[in-house]
Amino acid sequence: MDNEYREAIAQAKANLKEVRERGVEALGRPWSEVRKEFFTPEELAASNLRVQLMTELAHTRHDKGISQRQLEEIRY
């Protein structure tokens, strides 16, 4: 296991070096641009709505001190 770990660390360091050398080119385009090629405006709107709902639910749970388990019990 130690040998595999060392090899993985060495590979990660080599990858980081390559990214630093290539700069922005290594990173590609932003996801906000790419997703417009894969999804329709309706799909994007639906996805954004789901994210907003999940975020609001998480904030409300936190504010009210409700755990995920308690929320599941409330649901049923």
C-alpha atoms as a PDB file:
ATOM      1  CA  MET A   1       0.000   0.000   0.000  1.00  0.00           C
ATOM      2  CA  ASP A   2       2.828   2.409   0.778  1.00  0.00           C
ATOM      3  CA  ASN A   3       4.262   2.013  -2.722  1.00  0.00           C
ATOM      4  CA  GLU A   4       0.867   2.726  -4.319  1.00  0.00           C
ATOM      5  CA  TYR A   5       0.495   5.802  -2.121  1.00  0.00           C
ATOM      6  CA  ARG A   6       3.935   7.117  -3.115  1.00  0.00           C
ATOM      7  CA  GLU A   7       3.170   6.538  -6.797  1.00  0.00           C
ATOM      8  CA  ALA A   8      -0.164   8.353  -6.476  1.00  0.00           C
ATOM      9  CA  ILE A   9       1.535  11.315  -4.767  1.00  0.00           C
ATOM     10  CA  ALA A  10       4.220  11.433  -7.463  1.00  0.00           C
ATOM     11  CA  GLN A  11       1.552  11.366 -10.201  1.00  0.00           C
ATOM     12  CA  ALA A  12      -0.435  14.122  -8.475  1.00  0.00           C
ATOM     13  CA  LYS A  13       2.688  16.294  -8.233  1.00  0.00           C
ATOM     14  CA  ALA A  14       3.434  15.716 -11.923  1.00  0.00           C
ATOM     15  CA  ASN A  15      -0.146  16.650 -12.818  1.00  0.00           C
ATOM     16  CA  LEU A  16       0.041  19.845 -10.759  1.00  0.00           C
ATOM     17  CA  LYS A  17       3.318  20.779 -12.419  1.00  0.00           C
ATOM     18  CA  GLU A  18       1.736  20.303 -15.844  1.00  0.00           C
ATOM     19  CA  VAL A  19      -1.278  22.428 -14.908  1.00  0.00           C
ATOM     20  CA  ARG A  20       0.974  25.213 -13.647  1.00  0.00           C
ATOM     21  CA  GLU A  21       3.009  25.131 -16.861  1.00  0.00           C
ATOM     22  CA  ARG A  22      -0.049  25.140 -19.131  1.00  0.00           C
ATOM     23  CA  GLY A  23      -1.902  27.742 -17.087  1.00  0.00           C
ATOM     24  CA  VAL A  24      -5.476  28.548 -18.060  1.00  0.00           C
ATOM     25  CA  GLU A  25      -5.311  26.244 -21.096  1.00  0.00           C
ATOM     26  CA  ALA A  26      -5.182  23.242 -18.757  1.00  0.00           C
ATOM     27  CA  LEU A  27      -8.440  24.209 -17.129  1.00  0.00           C
ATOM     28  CA  GLY A  28     -10.632  24.565 -20.193  1.00  0.00           C
ATOM     29  CA  ARG A  29     -13.853  26.537 -20.411  1.00  0.00           C
ATOM     30  CA  PRO A  30     -16.012  27.395 -17.436  1.00  0.00           C
ATOM     31  CA  TRP A  31     -18.891  25.030 -16.652  1.00  0.00           C
ATOM     32  CA  SER A  32     -21.355  27.908 -17.045  1.00  0.00           C
ATOM     33  CA  GLU A  33     -20.446  27.998 -20.753  1.00  0.00           C
ATOM     34  CA  VAL A  34     -20.236  24.254 -21.345  1.00  0.00           C
ATOM     35  CA  ARG A  35     -23.589  23.434 -19.740  1.00  0.00           C
ATOM     36  CA  LYS A  36     -25.385  25.666 -22.256  1.00  0.00           C
ATOM     37  CA  GLU A  37     -24.239  23.265 -24.981  1.00  0.00           C
ATOM     38  CA  PHE A  38     -25.662  20.200 -23.226  1.00  0.00           C
ATOM     39  CA  PHE A  39     -28.919  21.465 -21.766  1.00  0.00           C
ATOM     40  CA  THR A  40     -31.928  23.336 -23.099  1.00  0.00           C
ATOM     41  CA  PRO A  41     -32.998  26.604 -21.433  1.00  0.00           C
ATOM     42  CA  GLU A  42     -35.907  24.701 -19.834  1.00  0.00           C
ATOM     43  CA  GLU A  43     -33.564  22.067 -18.382  1.00  0.00           C
ATOM     44  CA  LEU A  44     -31.264  24.768 -17.038  1.00  0.00           C
ATOM     45  CA  ALA A  45     -34.199  26.573 -15.416  1.00  0.00           C
ATOM     46  CA  ALA A  46     -35.432  23.332 -13.836  1.00  0.00           C
ATOM     47  CA  SER A  47     -31.941  22.568 -12.538  1.00  0.00           C
ATOM     48  CA  ASN A  48     -31.575  26.061 -11.091  1.00  0.00           C
ATOM     49  CA  LEU A  49     -34.947  25.726  -9.377  1.00  0.00           C
ATOM     50  CA  ARG A  50     -33.936  22.386  -7.821  1.00  0.00           C
ATOM     51  CA  VAL A  51     -30.733  23.957  -6.504  1.00  0.00           C
ATOM     52  CA  GLN A  52     -32.656  26.895  -5.040  1.00  0.00           C
ATOM     53  CA  LEU A  53     -35.139  24.542  -3.337  1.00  0.00           C
ATOM     54  CA  MET A  54     -32.416  22.341  -1.870  1.00  0.00           C
ATOM     55  CA  THR A  55     -30.485  25.389  -0.663  1.00  0.00           C
ATOM     56  CA  GLU A  56     -33.563  26.901   0.953  1.00  0.00           C
ATOM     57  CA  LEU A  57     -34.411  23.577   2.606  1.00  0.00           C
ATOM     58  CA  ALA A  58     -30.878  23.276   4.003  1.00  0.00           C
ATOM     59  CA  HIS A  59     -30.949  26.853   5.345  1.00  0.00           C
ATOM     60  CA  THR A  60     -34.375  26.347   6.910  1.00  0.00           C
ATOM     61  CA  ARG A  61     -33.322  23.048   8.495  1.00  0.00           C
ATOM     62  CA  HIS A  62     -30.250  24.750   9.934  1.00  0.00           C
ATOM     63  CA  ASP A  63     -32.229  27.746  11.227  1.00  0.00           C
ATOM     64  CA  LYS A  64     -34.854  25.508  12.861  1.00  0.00           C
ATOM     65  CA  GLY A  65     -32.332  22.974  14.158  1.00  0.00           C
ATOM     66  CA  ILE A  66     -33.937  20.054  12.310  1.00  0.00           C
ATOM     67  CA  SER A  67     -31.715  17.110  11.386  1.00  0.00           C
ATOM     68  CA  GLN A  68     -32.060  15.178   8.140  1.00  0.00           C
ATOM     69  CA  ARG A  69     -33.430  12.237  10.106  1.00  0.00           C
ATOM     70  CA  GLN A  70     -36.060  14.434  11.788  1.00  0.00           C
ATOM     71  CA  LEU A  71     -37.016  15.867   8.414  1.00  0.00           C
ATOM     72  CA  GLU A  72     -37.506  12.372   7.007  1.00  0.00           C
ATOM     73  CA  GLU A  73     -39.708  11.478   9.986  1.00  0.00           C
ATOM     74  CA  ILE A  74     -41.804  14.606   9.402  1.00  0.00           C
ATOM     75  CA  ARG A  75     -42.238  13.647   5.732  1.00  0.00           C
ATOM     76  CA  TYR A  76     -43.917  10.350   6.529  1.00  0.00           C
END
